[in-house]
Amino acid sequence: MAKKKARKSTKTKKKTAKKGSASGSVQTQFMKDFVSTLLGKPDNWSWPTPGESQDNIIADFGIFTNTLLSAALTLTTPASGGTQSLSDRIAAFLTAQQWPVNTPIPKPWDQIQPTVRLIEISVIIDHVLEALNAYTNPGSRGGPGGGWPPHNP
């Protein structure tokens, strides 16, 4: 009778953070302030505005993404024209916050500023999509979607 080969364990060891390294999710005051100032809050989103056309929503999404990513990659805050346009409101907010260069980063992550700036953008864009998912406009994509996982109360 042939011997059976011993199976290798398929369990993986839990990886633990090295001493002195950051663990957990990155959360900055900048992210919270940007979302509450320019998007509102769940159940009371201020963007998109009621009746906003699909073309404007698509353009606004590009403005959110392009303005934040351009500022983060060039380390330059965009100039505001002083109007109430979305691009000027974002630029004014970034200038007031001194983002991306001088906005504080929590201690565990302050050595990885470029990565933190990209994480901030991704979290903000996630909230933009969450607000869009909750948007109801007659004649638009059929009403609001379901919940927005993995957001927990």
Protein backbone atom coordinates (compact mmCIF):
# COMPACT_ATOMS: atom_id res chain seq x y z
CA MET A 1 0.00 0.00 0.00
CA ALA A 2 1.37 3.42 -1.00
CA LYS A 3 1.84 6.13 1.57
CA LYS A 4 -0.32 9.21 1.24
CA LYS A 5 1.50 12.50 0.90
CA ALA A 6 0.95 14.89 3.73
CA ARG A 7 -1.10 17.88 2.68
CA LYS A 8 0.30 21.30 3.18
CA SER A 9 -1.80 23.50 5.37
CA THR A 10 -3.87 25.96 3.40
CA LYS A 11 -4.24 28.24 6.37
CA THR A 12 -2.37 31.47 6.06
CA LYS A 13 -0.66 33.18 8.89
CA LYS A 14 -2.06 36.50 9.94
CA LYS A 15 0.22 39.26 8.89
CA THR A 16 0.89 41.70 11.63
CA ALA A 17 2.08 45.23 11.21
CA LYS A 18 5.75 45.71 11.82
CA LYS A 19 6.64 47.71 14.86
CA GLY A 20 6.42 51.40 14.03
CA SER A 21 4.34 50.92 10.88
CA ALA A 22 0.86 52.28 10.32
CA SER A 23 -2.07 49.93 10.41
CA GLY A 24 -5.78 50.45 10.01
CA SER A 25 -7.55 52.72 7.59
CA VAL A 26 -6.26 56.16 6.77
CA GLN A 27 -8.65 58.90 7.82
CA THR A 28 -7.81 62.56 7.63
CA GLN A 29 -9.67 65.67 8.67
CA PHE A 30 -9.25 66.92 5.10
CA MET A 31 -11.35 64.03 3.74
CA LYS A 32 -14.13 64.63 6.26
CA ASP A 33 -14.17 68.39 5.68
CA PHE A 34 -14.11 68.06 1.87
CA VAL A 35 -17.04 65.66 1.86
CA SER A 36 -19.18 67.64 4.30
CA THR A 37 -18.40 70.98 2.62
CA LEU A 38 -18.74 70.01 -1.04
CA LEU A 39 -21.01 66.95 -0.99
CA GLY A 40 -23.03 67.10 2.22
CA LYS A 41 -23.81 64.03 4.28
CA PRO A 42 -25.65 60.74 3.67
CA ASP A 43 -29.42 61.30 3.71
CA ASN A 44 -28.75 64.98 2.96
CA TRP A 45 -26.36 65.13 0.01
CA SER A 46 -25.98 68.59 -1.50
CA TRP A 47 -24.59 67.14 -4.74
CA PRO A 48 -25.96 66.40 -7.28
CA THR A 49 -28.55 69.12 -6.92
CA PRO A 50 -32.21 68.25 -7.62
CA GLY A 51 -32.93 68.36 -11.33
CA GLU A 52 -29.27 68.39 -12.35
CA SER A 53 -28.86 66.99 -15.85
CA GLN A 54 -26.92 63.84 -16.59
CA ASP A 55 -24.48 65.87 -18.68
CA ASN A 56 -23.77 68.17 -15.71
CA ILE A 57 -23.34 65.23 -13.37
CA ILE A 58 -20.84 63.63 -15.75
CA ALA A 59 -18.96 66.94 -16.07
CA ASP A 60 -18.98 67.42 -12.28
CA PHE A 61 -17.55 63.94 -11.74
CA GLY A 62 -14.69 64.85 -14.06
CA ILE A 63 -14.14 68.13 -12.18
CA PHE A 64 -13.94 66.34 -8.81
CA THR A 65 -11.50 63.77 -10.18
CA ASN A 66 -9.37 66.03 -12.36
CA THR A 67 -9.01 68.85 -9.86
CA LEU A 68 -7.98 66.59 -6.99
CA LEU A 69 -5.66 64.37 -9.01
CA SER A 70 -4.01 67.29 -10.80
CA ALA A 71 -3.35 69.06 -7.50
CA ALA A 72 -1.99 65.91 -5.85
CA LEU A 73 0.34 64.98 -8.71
CA THR A 74 1.67 68.48 -9.37
CA LEU A 75 1.66 69.56 -5.70
CA THR A 76 -0.08 72.74 -6.84
CA THR A 77 -3.33 74.13 -5.52
CA PRO A 78 -5.55 75.26 -8.41
CA ALA A 79 -6.47 78.92 -8.67
CA SER A 80 -10.06 79.88 -7.92
CA GLY A 81 -11.86 82.31 -10.17
CA GLY A 82 -14.03 83.39 -7.24
CA THR A 83 -17.30 82.15 -8.76
CA GLN A 84 -19.74 79.58 -7.39
CA SER A 85 -18.82 77.04 -10.09
CA LEU A 86 -17.87 73.61 -8.79
CA SER A 87 -14.27 73.95 -9.98
CA ASP A 88 -13.88 77.32 -8.24
CA ARG A 89 -15.49 76.05 -5.02
CA ILE A 90 -13.12 73.05 -5.00
CA ALA A 91 -10.14 75.31 -5.74
CA ALA A 92 -11.12 77.73 -2.96
CA PHE A 93 -11.52 74.84 -0.52
CA LEU A 94 -8.14 73.33 -1.47
CA THR A 95 -6.48 76.75 -1.09
CA ALA A 96 -8.03 77.32 2.34
CA GLN A 97 -6.91 73.84 3.44
CA GLN A 98 -3.44 74.28 1.86
CA TRP A 99 -3.92 70.93 0.14
CA PRO A 100 -2.01 68.97 -1.04
CA VAL A 101 1.27 70.35 0.34
CA ASN A 102 0.57 71.56 3.88
CA THR A 103 -2.60 69.83 5.01
CA PRO A 104 -1.83 67.78 8.13
CA ILE A 105 -1.49 64.01 7.92
CA PRO A 106 -2.03 61.89 11.05
CA LYS A 107 1.21 60.69 12.66
CA PRO A 108 1.14 57.02 11.66
CA TRP A 109 1.07 57.99 7.97
CA ASP A 110 3.01 61.27 7.84
CA GLN A 111 6.00 59.61 6.14
CA ILE A 112 3.97 58.51 3.11
CA GLN A 113 2.39 61.79 2.00
CA PRO A 114 2.01 60.91 -1.72
CA THR A 115 0.17 57.70 -0.84
CA VAL A 116 -2.04 59.46 1.71
CA ARG A 117 -3.02 62.09 -0.87
CA LEU A 118 -4.11 59.35 -3.30
CA ILE A 119 -6.05 57.63 -0.51
CA GLU A 120 -7.78 60.92 0.29
CA ILE A 121 -8.80 61.24 -3.36
CA SER A 122 -10.10 57.68 -3.49
CA VAL A 123 -12.18 58.15 -0.34
CA ILE A 124 -13.60 61.43 -1.63
CA ILE A 125 -14.48 59.88 -5.01
CA ASP A 126 -16.10 56.97 -3.16
CA HIS A 127 -18.35 59.52 -1.43
CA VAL A 128 -19.06 61.24 -4.77
CA LEU A 129 -20.27 57.86 -6.08
CA GLU A 130 -22.22 57.23 -2.88
CA ALA A 131 -24.00 60.58 -3.32
CA LEU A 132 -24.67 59.80 -6.98
CA ASN A 133 -26.02 56.37 -6.06
CA ALA A 134 -28.53 58.03 -3.70
CA TYR A 135 -29.56 60.63 -6.29
CA THR A 136 -33.14 60.50 -7.54
CA ASN A 137 -34.08 62.47 -10.62
CA PRO A 138 -37.05 61.72 -12.86
CA GLY A 139 -35.85 60.74 -16.31
CA SER A 140 -32.44 59.85 -14.97
CA ARG A 141 -31.01 56.34 -14.66
CA GLY A 142 -34.15 54.93 -13.05
CA GLY A 143 -33.96 56.26 -9.51
CA PRO A 144 -31.64 55.61 -6.63
CA GLY A 145 -29.62 52.45 -6.36
CA GLY A 146 -29.48 50.23 -3.34
CA GLY A 147 -27.30 50.88 -0.33
CA TRP A 148 -23.68 51.76 -0.76
CA PRO A 149 -21.57 48.96 0.78
CA PRO A 150 -19.35 48.71 2.66
CA HIS A 151 -20.43 51.84 4.49
CA ASN A 152 -21.51 51.11 8.02
CA PRO A 153 -23.40 53.50 10.27
